Amino acid sequence: MSTLELRQIDDAGVLILPKALLEQLNAKPGDPLNYSFEDGKLILEQKRKLRKLPKYDLTELLPEHKQVMDCLEAEYQTWDEQKPKGTEML
């Protein structure tokens, strides 16, 4: 078992994690870590990172929307031109 030393900064005790331990946690300085205590042991876990969603620009989305709507309009027009073939409700 390895040992870590608590250091004092102002009124806080600070635990310095060696690079090898950070690599095992898949963490880097500044990353948030979750911690808990079980049976008198401190448990550290990497906090799950939320998936970053792509940022969309409205000027990029509108032309794509227009292309889709043009296809749908053509399909709607075809449906409107067809005569009922069964007991569809109009």
C-alpha atoms as a PDB file:
ATOM      1  CA  MET A   1       0.000   0.000   0.000  1.00  0.00           C
ATOM      2  CA  SER A   2       1.309   3.451  -0.933  1.00  0.00           C
ATOM      3  CA  THR A   3       1.118   6.475   1.339  1.00  0.00           C
ATOM      4  CA  LEU A   4       0.133  10.059   0.522  1.00  0.00           C
ATOM      5  CA  GLU A   5       0.886  13.072   2.686  1.00  0.00           C
ATOM      6  CA  LEU A   6      -1.669  15.705   3.661  1.00  0.00           C
ATOM      7  CA  ARG A   7      -0.336  19.227   3.264  1.00  0.00           C
ATOM      8  CA  GLN A   8      -1.628  22.415   4.844  1.00  0.00           C
ATOM      9  CA  ILE A   9      -2.728  25.365   2.705  1.00  0.00           C
ATOM     10  CA  ASP A  10      -4.348  28.103   4.782  1.00  0.00           C
ATOM     11  CA  ASP A  11      -6.924  26.305   6.948  1.00  0.00           C
ATOM     12  CA  ALA A  12      -7.395  23.377   4.552  1.00  0.00           C
ATOM     13  CA  GLY A  13      -5.658  20.052   4.357  1.00  0.00           C
ATOM     14  CA  VAL A  14      -4.668  19.247   0.782  1.00  0.00           C
ATOM     15  CA  LEU A  15      -4.004  15.803  -0.632  1.00  0.00           C
ATOM     16  CA  ILE A  16      -1.570  15.797  -3.539  1.00  0.00           C
ATOM     17  CA  LEU A  17      -2.279  13.006  -6.028  1.00  0.00           C
ATOM     18  CA  PRO A  18       0.730  11.767  -8.003  1.00  0.00           C
ATOM     19  CA  LYS A  19       0.587  11.726 -11.801  1.00  0.00           C
ATOM     20  CA  ALA A  20       0.352   7.909 -11.894  1.00  0.00           C
ATOM     21  CA  LEU A  21      -2.720   7.977  -9.635  1.00  0.00           C
ATOM     22  CA  LEU A  22      -4.343  10.692 -11.768  1.00  0.00           C
ATOM     23  CA  GLU A  23      -3.751   8.532 -14.837  1.00  0.00           C
ATOM     24  CA  GLN A  24      -5.451   5.570 -13.132  1.00  0.00           C
ATOM     25  CA  LEU A  25      -8.422   7.830 -12.363  1.00  0.00           C
ATOM     26  CA  ASN A  26      -8.327   9.091 -15.962  1.00  0.00           C
ATOM     27  CA  ALA A  27      -8.247  12.596 -14.502  1.00  0.00           C
ATOM     28  CA  LYS A  28      -6.136  15.699 -14.821  1.00  0.00           C
ATOM     29  CA  PRO A  29      -5.616  18.733 -12.576  1.00  0.00           C
ATOM     30  CA  GLY A  30      -8.821  20.744 -12.395  1.00  0.00           C
ATOM     31  CA  ASP A  31     -11.143  17.794 -13.084  1.00  0.00           C
ATOM     32  CA  PRO A  32     -13.899  17.243 -10.514  1.00  0.00           C
ATOM     33  CA  LEU A  33     -13.773  13.966  -8.583  1.00  0.00           C
ATOM     34  CA  ASN A  34     -16.563  12.270  -6.669  1.00  0.00           C
ATOM     35  CA  TYR A  35     -15.630  10.963  -3.240  1.00  0.00           C
ATOM     36  CA  SER A  36     -17.299   8.821  -0.625  1.00  0.00           C
ATOM     37  CA  PHE A  37     -16.391   6.961   2.541  1.00  0.00           C
ATOM     38  CA  GLU A  38     -16.949   3.220   2.892  1.00  0.00           C
ATOM     39  CA  ASP A  39     -15.801   1.226   5.922  1.00  0.00           C
ATOM     40  CA  GLY A  40     -13.440   4.029   6.953  1.00  0.00           C
ATOM     41  CA  LYS A  41     -11.894   4.264   3.479  1.00  0.00           C
ATOM     42  CA  LEU A  42     -11.868   7.275   1.199  1.00  0.00           C
ATOM     43  CA  ILE A  43     -13.119   6.321  -2.269  1.00  0.00           C
ATOM     44  CA  LEU A  44     -12.257   8.605  -5.216  1.00  0.00           C
ATOM     45  CA  GLU A  45     -13.994   8.244  -8.573  1.00  0.00           C
ATOM     46  CA  GLN A  46     -13.876  10.280 -11.716  1.00  0.00           C
ATOM     47  CA  LYS A  47     -16.988  12.395 -12.021  1.00  0.00           C
ATOM     48  CA  ARG A  48     -18.878  11.410 -15.159  1.00  0.00           C
ATOM     49  CA  LYS A  49     -18.478  14.024 -17.803  1.00  0.00           C
ATOM     50  CA  LEU A  50     -21.549  15.012 -19.733  1.00  0.00           C
ATOM     51  CA  ARG A  51     -21.337  14.551 -23.448  1.00  0.00           C
ATOM     52  CA  LYS A  52     -20.904  17.889 -25.136  1.00  0.00           C
ATOM     53  CA  LEU A  53     -23.530  18.487 -27.752  1.00  0.00           C
ATOM     54  CA  PRO A  54     -22.504  20.213 -30.951  1.00  0.00           C
ATOM     55  CA  LYS A  55     -23.314  23.880 -31.165  1.00  0.00           C
ATOM     56  CA  TYR A  56     -25.634  24.679 -34.012  1.00  0.00           C
ATOM     57  CA  ASP A  57     -25.906  27.925 -35.846  1.00  0.00           C
ATOM     58  CA  LEU A  58     -29.357  28.882 -37.100  1.00  0.00           C
ATOM     59  CA  THR A  59     -27.884  29.947 -40.438  1.00  0.00           C
ATOM     60  CA  GLU A  60     -26.641  26.354 -40.899  1.00  0.00           C
ATOM     61  CA  LEU A  61     -29.885  24.708 -39.815  1.00  0.00           C
ATOM     62  CA  LEU A  62     -32.332  26.727 -41.906  1.00  0.00           C
ATOM     63  CA  PRO A  63     -31.032  25.659 -45.344  1.00  0.00           C
ATOM     64  CA  GLU A  64     -31.103  22.005 -44.236  1.00  0.00           C
ATOM     65  CA  HIS A  65     -34.659  22.478 -42.944  1.00  0.00           C
ATOM     66  CA  LYS A  66     -35.660  24.047 -46.263  1.00  0.00           C
ATOM     67  CA  GLN A  67     -34.283  21.053 -48.205  1.00  0.00           C
ATOM     68  CA  VAL A  68     -36.269  18.642 -46.045  1.00  0.00           C
ATOM     69  CA  MET A  69     -39.415  20.733 -46.304  1.00  0.00           C
ATOM     70  CA  ASP A  70     -39.104  20.918 -50.115  1.00  0.00           C
ATOM     71  CA  CYS A  71     -39.038  17.106 -50.248  1.00  0.00           C
ATOM     72  CA  LEU A  72     -41.994  16.837 -47.873  1.00  0.00           C
ATOM     73  CA  GLU A  73     -44.013  19.434 -49.783  1.00  0.00           C
ATOM     74  CA  ALA A  74     -43.560  17.450 -52.985  1.00  0.00           C
ATOM     75  CA  GLU A  75     -44.709  14.302 -51.183  1.00  0.00           C
ATOM     76  CA  TYR A  76     -47.696  16.102 -49.632  1.00  0.00           C
ATOM     77  CA  GLN A  77     -48.647  17.422 -53.086  1.00  0.00           C
ATOM     78  CA  THR A  78     -48.590  13.863 -54.465  1.00  0.00           C
ATOM     79  CA  TRP A  79     -50.870  12.695 -51.650  1.00  0.00           C
ATOM     80  CA  ASP A  80     -53.272  15.577 -52.249  1.00  0.00           C
ATOM     81  CA  GLU A  81     -53.533  14.772 -55.963  1.00  0.00           C
ATOM     82  CA  GLN A  82     -54.426  11.108 -55.416  1.00  0.00           C
ATOM     83  CA  LYS A  83     -58.053  10.041 -55.231  1.00  0.00           C
ATOM     84  CA  PRO A  84     -59.247   8.098 -52.181  1.00  0.00           C
ATOM     85  CA  LYS A  85     -58.800   4.341 -52.644  1.00  0.00           C
ATOM     86  CA  GLY A  86     -60.715   3.031 -49.669  1.00  0.00           C
ATOM     87  CA  THR A  87     -62.629   4.407 -46.732  1.00  0.00           C
ATOM     88  CA  GLU A  88     -60.184   7.145 -45.840  1.00  0.00           C
ATOM     89  CA  MET A  89     -61.613  10.126 -44.050  1.00  0.00           C
ATOM     90  CA  LEU A  90     -61.023  13.468 -45.730  1.00  0.00           C
END
